[in-house]
Amino acid sequence: MQEPIRVLVRRESTVSAIYQNGAILVWLVTFFGCWVYCIQNYGVSLGVGLGWLPSILVATVAGALWPLLLVFAAVVGWTFFTAG
């Protein structure tokens, strides 16, 4: 008699959970920031009506690359505050 095949439950690692939560947070902040920027520069009709499309594109790229953006911001901040 054969032993039944056991399917292991895949558990997400802590690093994966941190990356996903960071990507969601960065996506939300970037999306609303870009959308407000579009509304401010192009007016209410174009900014609200069409500003969401470039905001989604920019937020998706920023959400995927958020660890690199974090390193870049740390380097720029360190350079800015130690230049004095």
PDB file of N, CA and C in Angstrom:
ATOM      1  N   MET A   1       0.832  -1.176   0.000  1.00  0.00           N
ATOM      2  CA  MET A   1       0.000   0.000   0.000  1.00  0.00           C
ATOM      3  C   MET A   1       0.881   1.245   0.000  1.00  0.00           C
ATOM      4  N   GLN A   2       0.516   2.185  -0.847  1.00  0.00           N
ATOM      5  CA  GLN A   2       1.315   3.399  -0.950  1.00  0.00           C
ATOM      6  C   GLN A   2       0.921   4.411   0.113  1.00  0.00           C
ATOM      7  N   GLU A   3       1.930   5.146   0.523  1.00  0.00           N
ATOM      8  CA  GLU A   3       1.678   6.209   1.490  1.00  0.00           C
ATOM      9  C   GLU A   3       1.112   7.425   0.748  1.00  0.00           C
ATOM     10  N   PRO A   4       0.108   8.092   1.312  1.00  0.00           N
ATOM     11  CA  PRO A   4      -0.480   9.238   0.617  1.00  0.00           C
ATOM     12  C   PRO A   4       0.537  10.386   0.489  1.00  0.00           C
ATOM     13  N   ILE A   5       0.400  11.128  -0.573  1.00  0.00           N
ATOM     14  CA  ILE A   5       1.275  12.273  -0.814  1.00  0.00           C
ATOM     15  C   ILE A   5       0.852  13.402   0.108  1.00  0.00           C
ATOM     16  N   ARG A   6       1.801  13.946   0.803  1.00  0.00           N
ATOM     17  CA  ARG A   6       1.512  15.040   1.721  1.00  0.00           C
ATOM     18  C   ARG A   6       1.894  16.355   1.064  1.00  0.00           C
ATOM     19  N   VAL A   7       0.983  17.246   1.095  1.00  0.00           N
ATOM     20  CA  VAL A   7       1.232  18.568   0.540  1.00  0.00           C
ATOM     21  C   VAL A   7       1.577  19.497   1.681  1.00  0.00           C
ATOM     22  N   LEU A   8       2.751  20.084   1.596  1.00  0.00           N
ATOM     23  CA  LEU A   8       3.182  20.995   2.645  1.00  0.00           C
ATOM     24  C   LEU A   8       2.583  22.373   2.406  1.00  0.00           C
ATOM     25  N   VAL A   9       2.144  22.982   3.462  1.00  0.00           N
ATOM     26  CA  VAL A   9       1.613  24.327   3.382  1.00  0.00           C
ATOM     27  C   VAL A   9       2.789  25.283   3.253  1.00  0.00           C
ATOM     28  N   ARG A  10       2.738  26.117   2.245  1.00  0.00           N
ATOM     29  CA  ARG A  10       3.825  27.070   2.049  1.00  0.00           C
ATOM     30  C   ARG A  10       3.628  28.255   2.984  1.00  0.00           C
ATOM     31  N   ARG A  11       4.598  28.470   3.801  1.00  0.00           N
ATOM     32  CA  ARG A  11       4.536  29.584   4.733  1.00  0.00           C
ATOM     33  C   ARG A  11       5.396  30.715   4.188  1.00  0.00           C
ATOM     34  N   GLU A  12       4.840  31.895   4.241  1.00  0.00           N
ATOM     35  CA  GLU A  12       5.589  33.031   3.758  1.00  0.00           C
ATOM     36  C   GLU A  12       6.637  33.437   4.778  1.00  0.00           C
ATOM     37  N   SER A  13       7.768  33.798   4.271  1.00  0.00           N
ATOM     38  CA  SER A  13       8.843  34.201   5.171  1.00  0.00           C
ATOM     39  C   SER A  13       8.590  35.620   5.680  1.00  0.00           C
ATOM     40  N   THR A  14       9.317  35.982   6.703  1.00  0.00           N
ATOM     41  CA  THR A  14       9.198  37.315   7.276  1.00  0.00           C
ATOM     42  C   THR A  14       9.657  38.371   6.282  1.00  0.00           C
ATOM     43  N   VAL A  15      10.708  38.064   5.530  1.00  0.00           N
ATOM     44  CA  VAL A  15      11.220  39.007   4.539  1.00  0.00           C
ATOM     45  C   VAL A  15      10.171  39.267   3.465  1.00  0.00           C
ATOM     46  N   SER A  16       9.492  38.230   3.036  1.00  0.00           N
ATOM     47  CA  SER A  16       8.450  38.388   2.035  1.00  0.00           C
ATOM     48  C   SER A  16       7.298  39.235   2.560  1.00  0.00           C
ATOM     49  N   ALA A  17       6.926  39.030   3.797  1.00  0.00           N
ATOM     50  CA  ALA A  17       5.840  39.809   4.389  1.00  0.00           C
ATOM     51  C   ALA A  17       6.233  41.279   4.528  1.00  0.00           C
ATOM     52  N   ILE A  18       7.489  41.536   4.918  1.00  0.00           N
ATOM     53  CA  ILE A  18       7.960  42.921   5.033  1.00  0.00           C
ATOM     54  C   ILE A  18       7.964  43.585   3.668  1.00  0.00           C
ATOM     55  N   TYR A  19       8.436  42.864   2.646  1.00  0.00           N
ATOM     56  CA  TYR A  19       8.472  43.424   1.296  1.00  0.00           C
ATOM     57  C   TYR A  19       7.059  43.751   0.806  1.00  0.00           C
ATOM     58  N   GLN A  20       6.125  42.843   1.008  1.00  0.00           N
ATOM     59  CA  GLN A  20       4.761  43.068   0.537  1.00  0.00           C
ATOM     60  C   GLN A  20       4.095  44.224   1.265  1.00  0.00           C
ATOM     61  N   ASN A  21       4.258  44.296   2.572  1.00  0.00           N
ATOM     62  CA  ASN A  21       3.662  45.396   3.325  1.00  0.00           C
ATOM     63  C   ASN A  21       4.290  46.730   2.952  1.00  0.00           C
ATOM     64  N   GLY A  22       5.606  46.740   2.749  1.00  0.00           N
ATOM     65  CA  GLY A  22       6.283  47.957   2.311  1.00  0.00           C
ATOM     66  C   GLY A  22       5.835  48.388   0.932  1.00  0.00           C
ATOM     67  N   ALA A  23       5.651  47.425   0.037  1.00  0.00           N
ATOM     68  CA  ALA A  23       5.207  47.741  -1.320  1.00  0.00           C
ATOM     69  C   ALA A  23       3.801  48.346  -1.305  1.00  0.00           C
ATOM     70  N   ILE A  24       2.932  47.814  -0.476  1.00  0.00           N
ATOM     71  CA  ILE A  24       1.572  48.355  -0.381  1.00  0.00           C
ATOM     72  C   ILE A  24       1.592  49.773   0.176  1.00  0.00           C
ATOM     73  N   LEU A  25       2.372  49.989   1.230  1.00  0.00           N
ATOM     74  CA  LEU A  25       2.459  51.319   1.837  1.00  0.00           C
ATOM     75  C   LEU A  25       3.037  52.337   0.858  1.00  0.00           C
ATOM     76  N   VAL A  26       4.125  51.983   0.198  1.00  0.00           N
ATOM     77  CA  VAL A  26       4.749  52.893  -0.773  1.00  0.00           C
ATOM     78  C   VAL A  26       3.807  53.134  -1.944  1.00  0.00           C
ATOM     79  N   TRP A  27       3.089  52.113  -2.384  1.00  0.00           N
ATOM     80  CA  TRP A  27       2.155  52.276  -3.494  1.00  0.00           C
ATOM     81  C   TRP A  27       1.067  53.285  -3.140  1.00  0.00           C
ATOM     82  N   LEU A  28       0.496  53.149  -1.964  1.00  0.00           N
ATOM     83  CA  LEU A  28      -0.572  54.060  -1.557  1.00  0.00           C
ATOM     84  C   LEU A  28      -0.098  55.502  -1.444  1.00  0.00           C
ATOM     85  N   VAL A  29       1.043  55.690  -0.778  1.00  0.00           N
ATOM     86  CA  VAL A  29       1.575  57.050  -0.595  1.00  0.00           C
ATOM     87  C   VAL A  29       1.935  57.662  -1.940  1.00  0.00           C
ATOM     88  N   THR A  30       2.583  56.894  -2.802  1.00  0.00           N
ATOM     89  CA  THR A  30       2.993  57.408  -4.112  1.00  0.00           C
ATOM     90  C   THR A  30       1.787  57.696  -4.987  1.00  0.00           C
ATOM     91  N   PHE A  31       0.792  56.828  -4.970  1.00  0.00           N
ATOM     92  CA  PHE A  31      -0.386  57.038  -5.801  1.00  0.00           C
ATOM     93  C   PHE A  31      -1.089  58.341  -5.436  1.00  0.00           C
ATOM     94  N   PHE A  32      -1.364  58.513  -4.137  1.00  0.00           N
ATOM     95  CA  PHE A  32      -2.087  59.722  -3.747  1.00  0.00           C
ATOM     96  C   PHE A  32      -1.229  60.976  -3.913  1.00  0.00           C
ATOM     97  N   GLY A  33       0.069  60.861  -3.685  1.00  0.00           N
ATOM     98  CA  GLY A  33       0.953  61.998  -3.910  1.00  0.00           C
ATOM     99  C   GLY A  33       0.995  62.412  -5.370  1.00  0.00           C
ATOM    100  N   CYS A  34       1.099  61.444  -6.264  1.00  0.00           N
ATOM    101  CA  CYS A  34       1.116  61.751  -7.706  1.00  0.00           C
ATOM    102  C   CYS A  34      -0.239  62.275  -8.169  1.00  0.00           C
ATOM    103  N   TRP A  35      -1.295  61.735  -7.624  1.00  0.00           N
ATOM    104  CA  TRP A  35      -2.626  62.188  -8.037  1.00  0.00           C
ATOM    105  C   TRP A  35      -2.860  63.640  -7.603  1.00  0.00           C
ATOM    106  N   VAL A  36      -2.458  63.980  -6.386  1.00  0.00           N
ATOM    107  CA  VAL A  36      -2.572  65.367  -5.922  1.00  0.00           C
ATOM    108  C   VAL A  36      -1.710  66.276  -6.783  1.00  0.00           C
ATOM    109  N   TYR A  37      -0.512  65.815  -7.151  1.00  0.00           N
ATOM    110  CA  TYR A  37       0.362  66.592  -8.029  1.00  0.00           C
ATOM    111  C   TYR A  37      -0.316  66.856  -9.375  1.00  0.00           C
ATOM    112  N   CYS A  38      -0.954  65.841  -9.945  1.00  0.00           N
ATOM    113  CA  CYS A  38      -1.657  66.020 -11.220  1.00  0.00           C
ATOM    114  C   CYS A  38      -2.819  66.993 -11.082  1.00  0.00           C
ATOM    115  N   ILE A  39      -3.553  66.898 -10.007  1.00  0.00           N
ATOM    116  CA  ILE A  39      -4.684  67.802  -9.787  1.00  0.00           C
ATOM    117  C   ILE A  39      -4.177  69.238  -9.635  1.00  0.00           C
ATOM    118  N   GLN A  40      -3.084  69.405  -8.915  1.00  0.00           N
ATOM    119  CA  GLN A  40      -2.537  70.739  -8.684  1.00  0.00           C
ATOM    120  C   GLN A  40      -2.022  71.363  -9.979  1.00  0.00           C
ATOM    121  N   ASN A  41      -1.368  70.596 -10.813  1.00  0.00           N
ATOM    122  CA  ASN A  41      -0.750  71.155 -12.007  1.00  0.00           C
ATOM    123  C   ASN A  41      -1.664  71.203 -13.228  1.00  0.00           C
ATOM    124  N   TYR A  42      -2.607  70.303 -13.341  1.00  0.00           N
ATOM    125  CA  TYR A  42      -3.440  70.229 -14.538  1.00  0.00           C
ATOM    126  C   TYR A  42      -4.895  70.597 -14.289  1.00  0.00           C
ATOM    127  N   GLY A  43      -5.216  70.989 -13.088  1.00  0.00           N
ATOM    128  CA  GLY A  43      -6.577  71.393 -12.790  1.00  0.00           C
ATOM    129  C   GLY A  43      -7.444  70.220 -12.385  1.00  0.00           C
ATOM    130  N   VAL A  44      -8.625  70.561 -11.933  1.00  0.00           N
ATOM    131  CA  VAL A  44      -9.515  69.526 -11.405  1.00  0.00           C
ATOM    132  C   VAL A  44     -10.030  68.615 -12.512  1.00  0.00           C
ATOM    133  N   SER A  45     -10.383  69.167 -13.655  1.00  0.00           N
ATOM    134  CA  SER A  45     -10.986  68.336 -14.704  1.00  0.00           C
ATOM    135  C   SER A  45      -9.998  67.308 -15.255  1.00  0.00           C
ATOM    136  N   LEU A  46      -8.799  67.725 -15.602  1.00  0.00           N
ATOM    137  CA  LEU A  46      -7.816  66.771 -16.121  1.00  0.00           C
ATOM    138  C   LEU A  46      -7.125  65.993 -15.002  1.00  0.00           C
ATOM    139  N   GLY A  47      -6.855  66.658 -13.895  1.00  0.00           N
ATOM    140  CA  GLY A  47      -6.153  65.994 -12.803  1.00  0.00           C
ATOM    141  C   GLY A  47      -6.941  64.871 -12.180  1.00  0.00           C
ATOM    142  N   VAL A  48      -8.214  65.110 -11.921  1.00  0.00           N
ATOM    143  CA  VAL A  48      -9.054  64.054 -11.335  1.00  0.00           C
ATOM    144  C   VAL A  48      -9.454  63.042 -12.403  1.00  0.00           C
ATOM    145  N   GLY A  49      -9.770  63.552 -13.586  1.00  0.00           N
ATOM    146  CA  GLY A  49     -10.260  62.666 -14.636  1.00  0.00           C
ATOM    147  C   GLY A  49      -9.214  61.746 -15.210  1.00  0.00           C
ATOM    148  N   LEU A  50      -8.017  62.258 -15.460  1.00  0.00           N
ATOM    149  CA  LEU A  50      -6.983  61.443 -16.103  1.00  0.00           C
ATOM    150  C   LEU A  50      -5.721  61.271 -15.260  1.00  0.00           C
ATOM    151  N   GLY A  51      -5.614  61.981 -14.160  1.00  0.00           N
ATOM    152  CA  GLY A  51      -4.408  61.920 -13.344  1.00  0.00           C
ATOM    153  C   GLY A  51      -4.185  60.598 -12.656  1.00  0.00           C
ATOM    154  N   TRP A  52      -5.213  59.804 -12.515  1.00  0.00           N
ATOM    155  CA  TRP A  52      -5.073  58.514 -11.858  1.00  0.00           C
ATOM    156  C   TRP A  52      -4.246  57.541 -12.686  1.00  0.00           C
ATOM    157  N   LEU A  53      -4.257  57.688 -14.020  1.00  0.00           N
ATOM    158  CA  LEU A  53      -3.529  56.737 -14.859  1.00  0.00           C
ATOM    159  C   LEU A  53      -2.008  56.844 -14.681  1.00  0.00           C
ATOM    160  N   PRO A  54      -1.401  58.029 -14.840  1.00  0.00           N
ATOM    161  CA  PRO A  54       0.041  58.080 -14.569  1.00  0.00           C
ATOM    162  C   PRO A  54       0.367  57.829 -13.099  1.00  0.00           C
ATOM    163  N   SER A  55      -0.569  58.137 -12.219  1.00  0.00           N
ATOM    164  CA  SER A  55      -0.337  57.875 -10.793  1.00  0.00           C
ATOM    165  C   SER A  55      -0.237  56.383 -10.526  1.00  0.00           C
ATOM    166  N   ILE A  56      -1.063  55.596 -11.177  1.00  0.00           N
ATOM    167  CA  ILE A  56      -0.995  54.136 -11.023  1.00  0.00           C
ATOM    168  C   ILE A  56       0.326  53.601 -11.559  1.00  0.00           C
ATOM    169  N   LEU A  57       0.763  54.106 -12.714  1.00  0.00           N
ATOM    170  CA  LEU A  57       2.009  53.626 -13.307  1.00  0.00           C
ATOM    171  C   LEU A  57       3.214  53.951 -12.417  1.00  0.00           C
ATOM    172  N   VAL A  58       3.282  55.189 -11.956  1.00  0.00           N
ATOM    173  CA  VAL A  58       4.403  55.593 -11.104  1.00  0.00           C
ATOM    174  C   VAL A  58       4.360  54.846  -9.774  1.00  0.00           C
ATOM    175  N   ALA A  59       3.182  54.684  -9.193  1.00  0.00           N
ATOM    176  CA  ALA A  59       3.065  53.997  -7.910  1.00  0.00           C
ATOM    177  C   ALA A  59       3.425  52.519  -8.034  1.00  0.00           C
ATOM    178  N   THR A  60       3.116  51.894  -9.151  1.00  0.00           N
ATOM    179  CA  THR A  60       3.450  50.490  -9.341  1.00  0.00           C
ATOM    180  C   THR A  60       4.964  50.291  -9.419  1.00  0.00           C
ATOM    181  N   VAL A  61       5.633  51.171 -10.154  1.00  0.00           N
ATOM    182  CA  VAL A  61       7.096  51.082 -10.240  1.00  0.00           C
ATOM    183  C   VAL A  61       7.726  51.371  -8.874  1.00  0.00           C
ATOM    184  N   ALA A  62       7.242  52.406  -8.192  1.00  0.00           N
ATOM    185  CA  ALA A  62       7.788  52.748  -6.882  1.00  0.00           C
ATOM    186  C   ALA A  62       7.518  51.640  -5.865  1.00  0.00           C
ATOM    187  N   GLY A  63       6.344  51.021  -5.929  1.00  0.00           N
ATOM    188  CA  GLY A  63       6.032  49.933  -5.005  1.00  0.00           C
ATOM    189  C   GLY A  63       6.908  48.715  -5.224  1.00  0.00           C
ATOM    190  N   ALA A  64       7.249  48.445  -6.473  1.00  0.00           N
ATOM    191  CA  ALA A  64       8.098  47.294  -6.763  1.00  0.00           C
ATOM    192  C   ALA A  64       9.549  47.544  -6.376  1.00  0.00           C
ATOM    193  N   LEU A  65       9.989  48.797  -6.474  1.00  0.00           N
ATOM    194  CA  LEU A  65      11.389  49.127  -6.218  1.00  0.00           C
ATOM    195  C   LEU A  65      11.600  49.839  -4.890  1.00  0.00           C
ATOM    196  N   TRP A  66      10.679  49.699  -3.943  1.00  0.00           N
ATOM    197  CA  TRP A  66      10.760  50.480  -2.714  1.00  0.00           C
ATOM    198  C   TRP A  66      12.022  50.231  -1.893  1.00  0.00           C
ATOM    199  N   PRO A  67      12.626  49.044  -1.867  1.00  0.00           N
ATOM    200  CA  PRO A  67      13.877  48.932  -1.098  1.00  0.00           C
ATOM    201  C   PRO A  67      15.000  49.800  -1.682  1.00  0.00           C
ATOM    202  N   LEU A  68      15.069  49.898  -3.008  1.00  0.00           N
ATOM    203  CA  LEU A  68      16.072  50.757  -3.628  1.00  0.00           C
ATOM    204  C   LEU A  68      15.795  52.224  -3.342  1.00  0.00           C
ATOM    205  N   LEU A  69      14.528  52.604  -3.341  1.00  0.00           N
ATOM    206  CA  LEU A  69      14.171  53.979  -3.010  1.00  0.00           C
ATOM    207  C   LEU A  69      14.521  54.310  -1.568  1.00  0.00           C
ATOM    208  N   LEU A  70      14.370  53.350  -0.684  1.00  0.00           N
ATOM    209  CA  LEU A  70      14.715  53.551   0.718  1.00  0.00           C
ATOM    210  C   LEU A  70      16.219  53.765   0.881  1.00  0.00           C
ATOM    211  N   VAL A  71      17.021  52.975   0.191  1.00  0.00           N
ATOM    212  CA  VAL A  71      18.475  53.141   0.246  1.00  0.00           C
ATOM    213  C   VAL A  71      18.873  54.496  -0.342  1.00  0.00           C
ATOM    214  N   PHE A  72      18.271  54.857  -1.467  1.00  0.00           N
ATOM    215  CA  PHE A  72      18.558  56.145  -2.100  1.00  0.00           C
ATOM    216  C   PHE A  72      18.211  57.297  -1.166  1.00  0.00           C
ATOM    217  N   ALA A  73      17.059  57.227  -0.520  1.00  0.00           N
ATOM    218  CA  ALA A  73      16.655  58.290   0.405  1.00  0.00           C
ATOM    219  C   ALA A  73      17.594  58.354   1.604  1.00  0.00           C
ATOM    220  N   ALA A  74      18.075  57.214   2.076  1.00  0.00           N
ATOM    221  CA  ALA A  74      19.015  57.213   3.199  1.00  0.00           C
ATOM    222  C   ALA A  74      20.341  57.846   2.809  1.00  0.00           C
ATOM    223  N   VAL A  75      20.827  57.547   1.616  1.00  0.00           N
ATOM    224  CA  VAL A  75      22.094  58.132   1.154  1.00  0.00           C
ATOM    225  C   VAL A  75      21.951  59.634   0.956  1.00  0.00           C
ATOM    226  N   VAL A  76      20.858  60.071   0.329  1.00  0.00           N
ATOM    227  CA  VAL A  76      20.630  61.496   0.123  1.00  0.00           C
ATOM    228  C   VAL A  76      20.480  62.208   1.472  1.00  0.00           C
ATOM    229  N   GLY A  77      19.742  61.622   2.385  1.00  0.00           N
ATOM    230  CA  GLY A  77      19.567  62.229   3.708  1.00  0.00           C
ATOM    231  C   GLY A  77      20.871  62.303   4.472  1.00  0.00           C
ATOM    232  N   TRP A  78      21.678  61.247   4.426  1.00  0.00           N
ATOM    233  CA  TRP A  78      22.957  61.253   5.107  1.00  0.00           C
ATOM    234  C   TRP A  78      23.875  62.306   4.491  1.00  0.00           C
ATOM    235  N   THR A  79      23.898  62.412   3.176  1.00  0.00           N
ATOM    236  CA  THR A  79      24.728  63.410   2.498  1.00  0.00           C
ATOM    237  C   THR A  79      24.263  64.819   2.838  1.00  0.00           C
ATOM    238  N   PHE A  80      22.970  65.024   2.862  1.00  0.00           N
ATOM    239  CA  PHE A  80      22.415  66.360   3.141  1.00  0.00           C
ATOM    240  C   PHE A  80      22.715  66.801   4.569  1.00  0.00           C
ATOM    241  N   PHE A  81      22.549  65.916   5.524  1.00  0.00           N
ATOM    242  CA  PHE A  81      22.706  66.304   6.928  1.00  0.00           C
ATOM    243  C   PHE A  81      24.154  66.330   7.397  1.00  0.00           C
ATOM    244  N   THR A  82      25.061  65.683   6.686  1.00  0.00           N
ATOM    245  CA  THR A  82      26.464  65.716   7.072  1.00  0.00           C
ATOM    246  C   THR A  82      27.284  66.707   6.248  1.00  0.00           C
ATOM    247  N   ALA A  83      26.642  67.393   5.315  1.00  0.00           N
ATOM    248  CA  ALA A  83      27.370  68.329   4.447  1.00  0.00           C
ATOM    249  C   ALA A  83      27.696  69.623   5.171  1.00  0.00           C
ATOM    250  N   GLY A  84      27.056  69.907   6.291  1.00  0.00           N
ATOM    251  CA  GLY A  84      27.103  71.161   6.990  1.00  0.00           C
ATOM    252  C   GLY A  84      28.390  71.642   7.465  1.00  0.00           C
TER     253      GLY A  84
END
